[in-house]
């Protein structure tokens, strides 16, 4: 706990105080967990770009097909 910066200490203390745990050790664990999350934020989920591009092409093709159908009906 002594190697924390002021910001980390503030996060620790806030999590410690807001914890609804019954024991001090559980509250300390909540504070330490909050500091670890601040130091190493969760990474966003990796997206498969090939699947995203394929889905986008399918959506565009559906829109074009619908436009062709509507244009054919008007003639």
N, C-alpha and C. Protein backbone atom coordinates (compact mmCIF):
# COMPACT_ATOMS: atom_id res chain seq x y z
N UNK A 1 0.82 -1.19 0.00
CA UNK A 1 0.00 0.00 0.00
C UNK A 1 0.86 1.25 0.00
N UNK A 2 2.09 1.15 0.46
CA UNK A 2 2.95 2.33 0.54
C UNK A 2 3.47 2.76 -0.83
N UNK A 3 3.42 1.88 -1.83
CA UNK A 3 3.94 2.23 -3.15
C UNK A 3 2.86 2.81 -4.07
N UNK A 4 1.76 3.24 -3.51
CA UNK A 4 0.67 3.79 -4.32
C UNK A 4 0.85 5.29 -4.52
N UNK A 5 0.39 5.76 -5.67
CA UNK A 5 0.38 7.20 -5.92
C UNK A 5 -0.81 7.81 -5.19
N UNK A 6 -0.90 9.12 -5.22
CA UNK A 6 -2.02 9.79 -4.56
C UNK A 6 -3.36 9.38 -5.18
N UNK A 7 -3.39 9.27 -6.53
CA UNK A 7 -4.62 8.88 -7.22
C UNK A 7 -5.02 7.45 -6.84
N UNK A 8 -4.03 6.56 -6.82
CA UNK A 8 -4.30 5.17 -6.47
C UNK A 8 -4.78 5.06 -5.02
N UNK A 9 -4.16 5.85 -4.14
CA UNK A 9 -4.58 5.84 -2.74
C UNK A 9 -6.01 6.34 -2.60
N UNK A 10 -6.38 7.35 -3.38
CA UNK A 10 -7.75 7.87 -3.33
C UNK A 10 -8.74 6.80 -3.80
N UNK A 11 -8.39 6.09 -4.86
CA UNK A 11 -9.26 5.01 -5.36
C UNK A 11 -9.37 3.91 -4.32
N UNK A 12 -8.25 3.55 -3.71
CA UNK A 12 -8.24 2.51 -2.68
C UNK A 12 -9.15 2.89 -1.51
N UNK A 13 -8.98 4.10 -1.02
CA UNK A 13 -9.76 4.54 0.14
C UNK A 13 -11.25 4.61 -0.18
N UNK A 14 -11.58 5.07 -1.37
CA UNK A 14 -12.99 5.15 -1.76
C UNK A 14 -13.60 3.75 -1.82
N UNK A 15 -12.91 2.81 -2.45
CA UNK A 15 -13.42 1.44 -2.54
C UNK A 15 -13.49 0.81 -1.16
N UNK A 16 -12.50 1.08 -0.33
CA UNK A 16 -12.48 0.54 1.03
C UNK A 16 -13.68 1.04 1.82
N UNK A 17 -13.96 2.33 1.73
CA UNK A 17 -15.06 2.93 2.49
C UNK A 17 -16.43 2.51 1.96
N UNK A 18 -16.56 2.34 0.65
CA UNK A 18 -17.84 1.98 0.06
C UNK A 18 -18.14 0.49 0.13
N UNK A 19 -17.15 -0.30 0.50
CA UNK A 19 -17.34 -1.75 0.57
C UNK A 19 -18.34 -2.09 1.67
N UNK A 20 -19.18 -3.07 1.39
CA UNK A 20 -20.16 -3.52 2.38
C UNK A 20 -19.70 -4.80 3.07
N UNK A 21 -18.43 -5.14 2.91
CA UNK A 21 -17.88 -6.34 3.53
C UNK A 21 -17.86 -6.19 5.05
N UNK A 22 -17.90 -7.32 5.72
CA UNK A 22 -17.96 -7.30 7.18
C UNK A 22 -16.58 -7.24 7.83
N UNK A 23 -15.56 -7.77 7.14
CA UNK A 23 -14.23 -7.79 7.75
C UNK A 23 -13.31 -6.77 7.08
N UNK A 24 -12.30 -6.38 7.80
CA UNK A 24 -11.33 -5.42 7.28
C UNK A 24 -10.55 -6.03 6.11
N UNK A 25 -10.23 -7.32 6.20
CA UNK A 25 -9.49 -7.97 5.12
C UNK A 25 -10.27 -7.95 3.82
N UNK A 26 -11.58 -8.17 3.90
CA UNK A 26 -12.42 -8.12 2.70
C UNK A 26 -12.47 -6.71 2.13
N UNK A 27 -12.54 -5.72 3.00
CA UNK A 27 -12.54 -4.32 2.55
C UNK A 27 -11.20 -3.96 1.90
N UNK A 28 -10.12 -4.46 2.49
CA UNK A 28 -8.80 -4.21 1.91
C UNK A 28 -8.70 -4.86 0.54
N UNK A 29 -9.25 -6.05 0.40
CA UNK A 29 -9.24 -6.74 -0.88
C UNK A 29 -10.02 -5.94 -1.92
N UNK A 30 -11.14 -5.33 -1.52
CA UNK A 30 -11.92 -4.51 -2.44
C UNK A 30 -11.11 -3.30 -2.90
N UNK A 31 -10.41 -2.68 -1.97
CA UNK A 31 -9.56 -1.53 -2.31
C UNK A 31 -8.43 -1.91 -3.24
N UNK A 32 -7.77 -3.03 -2.93
CA UNK A 32 -6.67 -3.48 -3.78
C UNK A 32 -7.15 -3.87 -5.17
N UNK A 33 -8.32 -4.46 -5.24
CA UNK A 33 -8.90 -4.82 -6.53
C UNK A 33 -9.20 -3.57 -7.36
N UNK A 34 -9.71 -2.54 -6.72
CA UNK A 34 -10.01 -1.29 -7.42
C UNK A 34 -8.73 -0.65 -7.97
N UNK A 35 -7.66 -0.71 -7.18
CA UNK A 35 -6.38 -0.15 -7.62
C UNK A 35 -5.83 -0.96 -8.80
N UNK A 36 -5.91 -2.29 -8.71
CA UNK A 36 -5.43 -3.13 -9.82
C UNK A 36 -6.22 -2.86 -11.10
N UNK A 37 -7.52 -2.67 -10.96
CA UNK A 37 -8.35 -2.35 -12.13
C UNK A 37 -7.96 -1.01 -12.71
N UNK A 38 -7.62 -0.06 -11.85
CA UNK A 38 -7.19 1.25 -12.34
C UNK A 38 -5.85 1.15 -13.07
N UNK A 39 -4.94 0.35 -12.53
CA UNK A 39 -3.62 0.19 -13.15
C UNK A 39 -3.70 -0.57 -14.47
N UNK A 40 -4.53 -1.60 -14.51
CA UNK A 40 -4.66 -2.46 -15.69
C UNK A 40 -6.13 -2.53 -16.09
N UNK A 41 -6.62 -1.51 -16.79
CA UNK A 41 -8.04 -1.53 -17.16
C UNK A 41 -8.34 -2.69 -18.10
N UNK A 42 -9.56 -3.21 -18.04
CA UNK A 42 -9.89 -4.33 -18.93
C UNK A 42 -9.82 -3.90 -20.39
N UNK A 43 -9.31 -4.79 -21.21
CA UNK A 43 -9.17 -4.49 -22.63
C UNK A 43 -10.50 -4.75 -23.34
N UNK A 44 -10.82 -3.92 -24.32
CA UNK A 44 -12.06 -4.17 -25.05
C UNK A 44 -11.97 -5.49 -25.81
N UNK A 45 -13.12 -6.08 -26.02
CA UNK A 45 -13.17 -7.36 -26.71
C UNK A 45 -12.68 -7.21 -28.15
N UNK A 46 -11.84 -8.15 -28.56
CA UNK A 46 -11.32 -8.14 -29.92
C UNK A 46 -12.44 -8.51 -30.87
N UNK A 47 -12.55 -7.78 -31.97
CA UNK A 47 -13.58 -8.06 -32.96
C UNK A 47 -12.93 -8.65 -34.19
N UNK A 48 -13.61 -9.57 -34.80
CA UNK A 48 -13.12 -10.20 -36.00
C UNK A 48 -13.46 -9.30 -37.19
N UNK A 49 -12.46 -8.64 -37.75
CA UNK A 49 -12.70 -7.68 -38.83
C UNK A 49 -13.23 -8.35 -40.08
N UNK A 50 -12.81 -9.58 -40.36
CA UNK A 50 -13.31 -10.28 -41.55
C UNK A 50 -14.81 -10.50 -41.44
N UNK A 51 -15.27 -10.93 -40.26
CA UNK A 51 -16.70 -11.17 -40.06
C UNK A 51 -17.47 -9.86 -40.14
N UNK A 52 -16.90 -8.80 -39.57
CA UNK A 52 -17.57 -7.50 -39.62
C UNK A 52 -17.70 -7.01 -41.06
N UNK A 53 -16.64 -7.16 -41.85
CA UNK A 53 -16.67 -6.71 -43.25
C UNK A 53 -17.66 -7.55 -44.05
N UNK A 54 -17.69 -8.82 -43.80
CA UNK A 54 -18.61 -9.71 -44.51
C UNK A 54 -20.06 -9.33 -44.20
N UNK A 55 -20.35 -9.06 -42.95
CA UNK A 55 -21.71 -8.67 -42.56
C UNK A 55 -22.08 -7.33 -43.19
N UNK A 56 -21.12 -6.42 -43.26
CA UNK A 56 -21.40 -5.12 -43.88
C UNK A 56 -21.72 -5.28 -45.36
N UNK A 57 -20.98 -6.14 -46.05
CA UNK A 57 -21.25 -6.39 -47.47
C UNK A 57 -22.64 -6.99 -47.65
N UNK A 58 -23.00 -7.93 -46.78
CA UNK A 58 -24.34 -8.53 -46.86
C UNK A 58 -25.43 -7.48 -46.66
N UNK A 59 -25.23 -6.57 -45.72
CA UNK A 59 -26.21 -5.52 -45.45
C UNK A 59 -26.35 -4.60 -46.65
N UNK A 60 -25.23 -4.24 -47.25
CA UNK A 60 -25.26 -3.36 -48.43
C UNK A 60 -25.96 -4.07 -49.59
N UNK A 61 -25.66 -5.35 -49.79
CA UNK A 61 -26.30 -6.09 -50.86
C UNK A 61 -27.80 -6.19 -50.65
N UNK A 62 -28.25 -6.38 -49.42
CA UNK A 62 -29.68 -6.43 -49.12
C UNK A 62 -30.35 -5.09 -49.44
N UNK A 63 -29.68 -4.00 -49.10
CA UNK A 63 -30.23 -2.68 -49.38
C UNK A 63 -30.34 -2.44 -50.88
N UNK A 64 -29.32 -2.86 -51.62
CA UNK A 64 -29.34 -2.69 -53.08
C UNK A 64 -30.46 -3.53 -53.69
N UNK A 65 -30.58 -4.78 -53.24
CA UNK A 65 -31.64 -5.65 -53.75
C UNK A 65 -33.02 -5.06 -53.49
N UNK A 66 -33.23 -4.51 -52.30
CA UNK A 66 -34.51 -3.89 -51.97
C UNK A 66 -34.76 -2.67 -52.85
N UNK A 67 -33.72 -1.89 -53.10
CA UNK A 67 -33.86 -0.72 -53.99
C UNK A 67 -34.20 -1.14 -55.41
N UNK A 68 -33.61 -2.22 -55.89
CA UNK A 68 -33.90 -2.71 -57.24
C UNK A 68 -35.35 -3.19 -57.30
N UNK A 69 -35.81 -3.90 -56.26
CA UNK A 69 -37.20 -4.38 -56.24
C UNK A 69 -38.18 -3.21 -56.26
N UNK A 70 -37.90 -2.19 -55.48
CA UNK A 70 -38.79 -1.02 -55.44
C UNK A 70 -38.79 -0.29 -56.78
N UNK A 71 -37.62 -0.19 -57.39
CA UNK A 71 -37.52 0.46 -58.71
C UNK A 71 -38.25 -0.33 -59.78
N UNK A 72 -38.19 -1.65 -59.71
CA UNK A 72 -38.87 -2.51 -60.68
C UNK A 72 -40.38 -2.40 -60.55
N UNK A 73 -40.88 -2.25 -59.33
CA UNK A 73 -42.32 -2.13 -59.10
C UNK A 73 -42.87 -0.82 -59.68
N UNK A 74 -42.08 0.22 -59.66
CA UNK A 74 -42.55 1.53 -60.13
C UNK A 74 -42.63 1.60 -61.65
N UNK A 75 -41.92 0.76 -62.36
CA UNK A 75 -41.93 0.83 -63.83
C UNK A 75 -43.10 0.18 -64.40
